[in-house]
Amino acid sequence: MVLSKVSCAAAACCSSWAISLRSRHLVPECIKMEGMQLFDRITWNPNQMNGQPCIRGMRLTVRRVVEAVAIYPNRDDLFRNYPELEPEDVRQALAFAAASLEDSATESNAA
């Protein structure tokens, strides 16, 4: 998985940063993954939520959103319990979580 900077007017003075999944380096908030996946709602701040990826700089982690989707499969219930979330936040949180997982097979000795 490769992340690259996207042309972003706010990049020079961006106070919200995103993390490169591969190298763990800070990059401006506007990032793109190989395959043109844009995560402009996923932010990372080492001083917020123990450095976990968050949604739009809020104190709401990607992990919490993914857990909430599992708890509230009905999106109406999800948005009622998390009114600050928008549908695009949920979509990007799920896509970010999926992109964060390595897609490879490993050999196991289990019989």
N, C-alpha and C. Protein backbone atom coordinates (compact mmCIF):
# COMPACT_ATOMS: atom_id res chain seq x y z
N MET A 1 0.85 -1.17 0.00
CA MET A 1 0.00 0.00 0.00
C MET A 1 0.89 1.23 0.00
N VAL A 2 0.62 2.13 -0.89
CA VAL A 2 1.44 3.33 -1.03
C VAL A 2 0.56 4.55 -0.88
N LEU A 3 0.98 5.48 -0.04
CA LEU A 3 0.28 6.73 0.13
C LEU A 3 1.10 7.83 -0.50
N SER A 4 0.43 8.78 -1.07
CA SER A 4 1.13 9.92 -1.64
C SER A 4 0.34 11.19 -1.35
N LYS A 5 1.06 12.31 -1.36
CA LYS A 5 0.38 13.59 -1.16
C LYS A 5 -0.48 13.92 -2.35
N VAL A 6 -1.61 14.52 -2.07
CA VAL A 6 -2.51 15.00 -3.11
C VAL A 6 -2.35 16.51 -3.14
N SER A 7 -2.49 17.08 -4.29
CA SER A 7 -2.45 18.53 -4.37
C SER A 7 -3.52 19.10 -3.45
N CYS A 8 -3.11 19.83 -2.46
CA CYS A 8 -4.04 20.31 -1.44
C CYS A 8 -3.66 21.74 -1.08
N ALA A 9 -4.58 22.63 -1.22
CA ALA A 9 -4.30 24.03 -0.93
C ALA A 9 -3.91 24.22 0.53
N ALA A 10 -4.42 23.37 1.40
CA ALA A 10 -4.14 23.51 2.83
C ALA A 10 -2.85 22.81 3.25
N ALA A 11 -2.20 22.08 2.35
CA ALA A 11 -1.04 21.28 2.74
C ALA A 11 0.07 22.10 3.38
N ALA A 12 0.30 23.30 2.89
CA ALA A 12 1.40 24.11 3.42
C ALA A 12 1.14 24.58 4.84
N CYS A 13 -0.11 24.81 5.18
CA CYS A 13 -0.41 25.33 6.50
C CYS A 13 -1.41 24.44 7.24
N CYS A 14 -1.47 23.19 6.88
CA CYS A 14 -2.45 22.25 7.43
C CYS A 14 -2.11 21.96 8.89
N SER A 15 -3.08 22.14 9.77
CA SER A 15 -2.86 21.83 11.18
C SER A 15 -3.32 20.41 11.50
N SER A 16 -3.98 19.77 10.57
CA SER A 16 -4.43 18.40 10.75
C SER A 16 -3.61 17.52 9.84
N TRP A 17 -3.10 16.44 10.38
CA TRP A 17 -2.19 15.60 9.62
C TRP A 17 -2.73 14.19 9.54
N ALA A 18 -2.35 13.48 8.52
CA ALA A 18 -2.72 12.08 8.36
C ALA A 18 -1.45 11.25 8.42
N ILE A 19 -1.61 9.96 8.65
CA ILE A 19 -0.44 9.10 8.78
C ILE A 19 -0.31 8.19 7.57
N SER A 20 0.91 8.00 7.13
CA SER A 20 1.20 7.05 6.07
C SER A 20 1.13 5.67 6.69
N LEU A 21 0.29 4.80 6.15
CA LEU A 21 0.11 3.48 6.74
C LEU A 21 1.37 2.63 6.65
N ARG A 22 2.15 2.82 5.61
CA ARG A 22 3.33 1.98 5.43
C ARG A 22 4.51 2.50 6.25
N SER A 23 4.80 3.77 6.15
CA SER A 23 6.03 4.28 6.76
C SER A 23 5.81 4.95 8.11
N ARG A 24 4.57 5.16 8.48
CA ARG A 24 4.22 5.83 9.74
C ARG A 24 4.77 7.25 9.81
N HIS A 25 4.94 7.89 8.65
CA HIS A 25 5.36 9.28 8.60
C HIS A 25 4.15 10.18 8.50
N LEU A 26 4.27 11.38 9.03
CA LEU A 26 3.20 12.36 8.92
C LEU A 26 3.17 12.95 7.52
N VAL A 27 1.99 13.05 6.98
CA VAL A 27 1.79 13.72 5.70
C VAL A 27 0.59 14.64 5.88
N PRO A 28 0.45 15.68 5.06
CA PRO A 28 -0.71 16.54 5.20
C PRO A 28 -2.01 15.74 5.11
N GLU A 29 -3.06 16.29 5.67
CA GLU A 29 -4.33 15.60 5.79
C GLU A 29 -4.82 15.00 4.48
N CYS A 30 -4.62 15.68 3.38
CA CYS A 30 -5.10 15.19 2.10
C CYS A 30 -4.14 14.12 1.59
N ILE A 31 -4.51 12.86 1.69
CA ILE A 31 -3.65 11.78 1.24
C ILE A 31 -4.42 10.89 0.27
N LYS A 32 -3.67 10.19 -0.53
CA LYS A 32 -4.26 9.31 -1.52
C LYS A 32 -3.51 7.98 -1.45
N MET A 33 -4.22 6.89 -1.55
CA MET A 33 -3.59 5.58 -1.57
C MET A 33 -3.49 5.12 -3.01
N GLU A 34 -2.59 4.16 -3.23
CA GLU A 34 -2.47 3.58 -4.55
C GLU A 34 -3.87 3.15 -5.00
N GLY A 35 -4.24 3.42 -6.21
CA GLY A 35 -5.59 3.13 -6.68
C GLY A 35 -6.50 4.34 -6.50
N MET A 36 -5.92 5.51 -6.18
CA MET A 36 -6.65 6.77 -6.08
C MET A 36 -7.65 6.84 -4.93
N GLN A 37 -7.43 6.10 -3.87
CA GLN A 37 -8.30 6.16 -2.69
C GLN A 37 -7.93 7.40 -1.88
N LEU A 38 -8.88 8.30 -1.68
CA LEU A 38 -8.63 9.53 -0.94
C LEU A 38 -9.26 9.42 0.44
N PHE A 39 -8.49 9.71 1.46
CA PHE A 39 -8.97 9.70 2.85
C PHE A 39 -8.85 11.11 3.41
N ASP A 40 -9.68 12.00 2.94
CA ASP A 40 -9.60 13.38 3.41
C ASP A 40 -10.33 13.60 4.73
N ARG A 41 -11.01 12.61 5.25
CA ARG A 41 -11.71 12.73 6.53
C ARG A 41 -11.00 11.99 7.65
N ILE A 42 -9.95 11.27 7.33
CA ILE A 42 -9.18 10.53 8.33
C ILE A 42 -7.97 11.38 8.71
N THR A 43 -7.89 11.75 9.97
CA THR A 43 -6.80 12.61 10.44
C THR A 43 -6.04 11.91 11.55
N TRP A 44 -4.84 12.39 11.78
CA TRP A 44 -3.98 11.83 12.81
C TRP A 44 -3.24 12.95 13.50
N ASN A 45 -3.30 12.94 14.81
CA ASN A 45 -2.59 13.93 15.61
C ASN A 45 -1.97 13.17 16.77
N PRO A 46 -0.65 13.20 16.92
CA PRO A 46 -0.01 12.43 17.99
C PRO A 46 -0.45 12.87 19.38
N ASN A 47 -1.04 14.05 19.51
CA ASN A 47 -1.48 14.56 20.81
C ASN A 47 -2.97 14.35 21.06
N GLN A 48 -3.63 13.61 20.18
CA GLN A 48 -5.07 13.39 20.33
C GLN A 48 -5.37 11.89 20.27
N MET A 49 -6.15 11.40 21.19
CA MET A 49 -6.60 10.01 21.22
C MET A 49 -5.43 9.03 21.10
N ASN A 50 -4.36 9.31 21.81
CA ASN A 50 -3.16 8.47 21.82
C ASN A 50 -2.60 8.21 20.42
N GLY A 51 -2.78 9.17 19.52
CA GLY A 51 -2.22 9.05 18.18
C GLY A 51 -2.98 8.12 17.25
N GLN A 52 -4.20 7.76 17.61
CA GLN A 52 -5.00 6.89 16.74
C GLN A 52 -5.62 7.71 15.60
N PRO A 53 -5.84 7.08 14.44
CA PRO A 53 -6.52 7.79 13.35
C PRO A 53 -7.93 8.18 13.78
N CYS A 54 -8.32 9.41 13.48
CA CYS A 54 -9.62 9.94 13.90
C CYS A 54 -10.42 10.43 12.69
N ILE A 55 -11.66 10.75 12.95
CA ILE A 55 -12.55 11.27 11.92
C ILE A 55 -12.57 12.79 12.01
N ARG A 56 -12.16 13.46 10.95
CA ARG A 56 -12.19 14.91 10.81
C ARG A 56 -11.66 15.67 12.03
N GLY A 57 -10.64 15.16 12.68
CA GLY A 57 -10.04 15.86 13.81
C GLY A 57 -10.86 15.78 15.08
N MET A 58 -11.98 15.07 15.05
CA MET A 58 -12.80 14.91 16.26
C MET A 58 -12.17 13.87 17.16
N ARG A 59 -12.65 13.80 18.38
CA ARG A 59 -12.18 12.79 19.31
C ARG A 59 -12.99 11.51 19.11
N LEU A 60 -13.07 11.09 17.86
CA LEU A 60 -13.80 9.91 17.45
C LEU A 60 -12.87 9.12 16.53
N THR A 61 -12.41 7.95 17.01
CA THR A 61 -11.42 7.19 16.27
C THR A 61 -12.06 6.35 15.17
N VAL A 62 -11.23 6.00 14.19
CA VAL A 62 -11.67 5.10 13.13
C VAL A 62 -12.12 3.78 13.75
N ARG A 63 -11.38 3.31 14.73
CA ARG A 63 -11.74 2.05 15.40
C ARG A 63 -13.13 2.14 16.01
N ARG A 64 -13.45 3.23 16.68
CA ARG A 64 -14.76 3.38 17.29
C ARG A 64 -15.87 3.38 16.23
N VAL A 65 -15.62 4.01 15.09
CA VAL A 65 -16.62 4.04 14.02
C VAL A 65 -16.84 2.63 13.48
N VAL A 66 -15.77 1.88 13.26
CA VAL A 66 -15.90 0.51 12.76
C VAL A 66 -16.67 -0.34 13.78
N GLU A 67 -16.37 -0.18 15.06
CA GLU A 67 -17.10 -0.90 16.10
C GLU A 67 -18.57 -0.50 16.10
N ALA A 68 -18.86 0.79 15.93
CA ALA A 68 -20.24 1.27 15.93
C ALA A 68 -21.03 0.69 14.75
N VAL A 69 -20.37 0.53 13.61
CA VAL A 69 -21.03 -0.07 12.45
C VAL A 69 -21.42 -1.52 12.78
N ALA A 70 -20.56 -2.22 13.51
CA ALA A 70 -20.87 -3.60 13.89
C ALA A 70 -22.01 -3.65 14.91
N ILE A 71 -22.04 -2.69 15.82
CA ILE A 71 -23.08 -2.66 16.86
C ILE A 71 -24.42 -2.21 16.29
N TYR A 72 -24.39 -1.23 15.40
CA TYR A 72 -25.61 -0.66 14.81
C TYR A 72 -25.63 -0.93 13.30
N PRO A 73 -26.02 -2.15 12.88
CA PRO A 73 -26.05 -2.43 11.45
C PRO A 73 -27.05 -1.55 10.69
N ASN A 74 -28.05 -1.06 11.38
CA ASN A 74 -29.00 -0.13 10.78
C ASN A 74 -28.39 1.26 10.85
N ARG A 75 -28.09 1.86 9.71
CA ARG A 75 -27.41 3.16 9.69
C ARG A 75 -28.22 4.26 10.38
N ASP A 76 -29.56 4.16 10.36
CA ASP A 76 -30.36 5.17 11.05
C ASP A 76 -30.06 5.15 12.55
N ASP A 77 -29.93 3.95 13.12
CA ASP A 77 -29.57 3.83 14.53
C ASP A 77 -28.17 4.37 14.78
N LEU A 78 -27.26 4.07 13.87
CA LEU A 78 -25.88 4.55 14.00
C LEU A 78 -25.84 6.07 14.03
N PHE A 79 -26.49 6.71 13.08
CA PHE A 79 -26.46 8.18 13.02
C PHE A 79 -27.26 8.83 14.16
N ARG A 80 -28.23 8.13 14.69
CA ARG A 80 -28.97 8.65 15.85
C ARG A 80 -28.07 8.65 17.10
N ASN A 81 -27.23 7.61 17.22
CA ASN A 81 -26.34 7.51 18.37
C ASN A 81 -25.03 8.29 18.19
N TYR A 82 -24.67 8.57 16.97
CA TYR A 82 -23.47 9.35 16.66
C TYR A 82 -23.87 10.47 15.69
N PRO A 83 -24.57 11.49 16.17
CA PRO A 83 -25.08 12.54 15.28
C PRO A 83 -23.98 13.35 14.59
N GLU A 84 -22.77 13.34 15.10
CA GLU A 84 -21.68 14.09 14.48
C GLU A 84 -21.14 13.40 13.23
N LEU A 85 -21.46 12.12 13.06
CA LEU A 85 -20.99 11.37 11.89
C LEU A 85 -21.83 11.68 10.66
N GLU A 86 -21.15 11.64 9.53
CA GLU A 86 -21.81 11.78 8.24
C GLU A 86 -21.57 10.48 7.46
N PRO A 87 -22.43 10.17 6.51
CA PRO A 87 -22.24 8.92 5.74
C PRO A 87 -20.85 8.78 5.14
N GLU A 88 -20.26 9.85 4.65
CA GLU A 88 -18.92 9.77 4.07
C GLU A 88 -17.87 9.45 5.13
N ASP A 89 -18.07 9.89 6.38
CA ASP A 89 -17.16 9.53 7.47
C ASP A 89 -17.14 8.01 7.66
N VAL A 90 -18.31 7.41 7.68
CA VAL A 90 -18.43 5.97 7.87
C VAL A 90 -17.78 5.23 6.71
N ARG A 91 -18.06 5.66 5.48
CA ARG A 91 -17.49 5.02 4.31
C ARG A 91 -15.96 5.05 4.34
N GLN A 92 -15.42 6.23 4.67
CA GLN A 92 -13.96 6.35 4.70
C GLN A 92 -13.34 5.58 5.87
N ALA A 93 -14.03 5.53 7.00
CA ALA A 93 -13.50 4.76 8.14
C ALA A 93 -13.42 3.28 7.79
N LEU A 94 -14.44 2.75 7.15
CA LEU A 94 -14.43 1.35 6.74
C LEU A 94 -13.37 1.09 5.68
N ALA A 95 -13.26 1.98 4.71
CA ALA A 95 -12.26 1.82 3.65
C ALA A 95 -10.85 1.93 4.22
N PHE A 96 -10.64 2.86 5.15
CA PHE A 96 -9.33 3.04 5.78
C PHE A 96 -8.96 1.80 6.58
N ALA A 97 -9.92 1.26 7.33
CA ALA A 97 -9.65 0.05 8.12
C ALA A 97 -9.31 -1.12 7.20
N ALA A 98 -10.04 -1.27 6.12
CA ALA A 98 -9.76 -2.35 5.17
C ALA A 98 -8.39 -2.16 4.53
N ALA A 99 -8.05 -0.93 4.17
CA ALA A 99 -6.77 -0.65 3.53
C ALA A 99 -5.60 -0.85 4.50
N SER A 100 -5.89 -0.75 5.79
CA SER A 100 -4.84 -0.91 6.80
C SER A 100 -4.46 -2.36 7.02
N LEU A 101 -5.32 -3.27 6.59
CA LEU A 101 -5.04 -4.69 6.76
C LEU A 101 -4.22 -5.19 5.59
N GLU A 102 -3.23 -5.99 5.89
CA GLU A 102 -2.41 -6.55 4.83
C GLU A 102 -3.18 -7.65 4.14
N ASP A 103 -3.21 -7.64 2.85
CA ASP A 103 -3.95 -8.62 2.07
C ASP A 103 -2.99 -9.67 1.54
N SER A 104 -2.59 -10.57 2.42
CA SER A 104 -1.67 -11.63 2.00
C SER A 104 -2.00 -12.91 2.78
N ALA A 105 -1.62 -14.01 2.21
CA ALA A 105 -1.84 -15.30 2.87
C ALA A 105 -0.55 -15.74 3.53
N THR A 106 -0.69 -16.39 4.66
CA THR A 106 0.48 -16.94 5.34
C THR A 106 0.27 -18.43 5.53
N GLU A 107 1.36 -19.17 5.57
CA GLU A 107 1.29 -20.60 5.75
C GLU A 107 1.14 -20.92 7.22
N SER A 108 0.34 -21.90 7.52
CA SER A 108 0.10 -22.29 8.91
C SER A 108 0.36 -23.76 9.08
N ASN A 109 0.83 -24.15 10.25
CA ASN A 109 1.08 -25.56 10.55
C ASN A 109 -0.15 -26.22 11.15
N ALA A 110 -1.25 -25.49 11.25
CA ALA A 110 -2.46 -26.05 11.84
C ALA A 110 -2.99 -27.18 10.96
N ALA A 111 -3.41 -28.25 11.60
CA ALA A 111 -3.93 -29.38 10.83
C ALA A 111 -5.42 -29.47 10.88
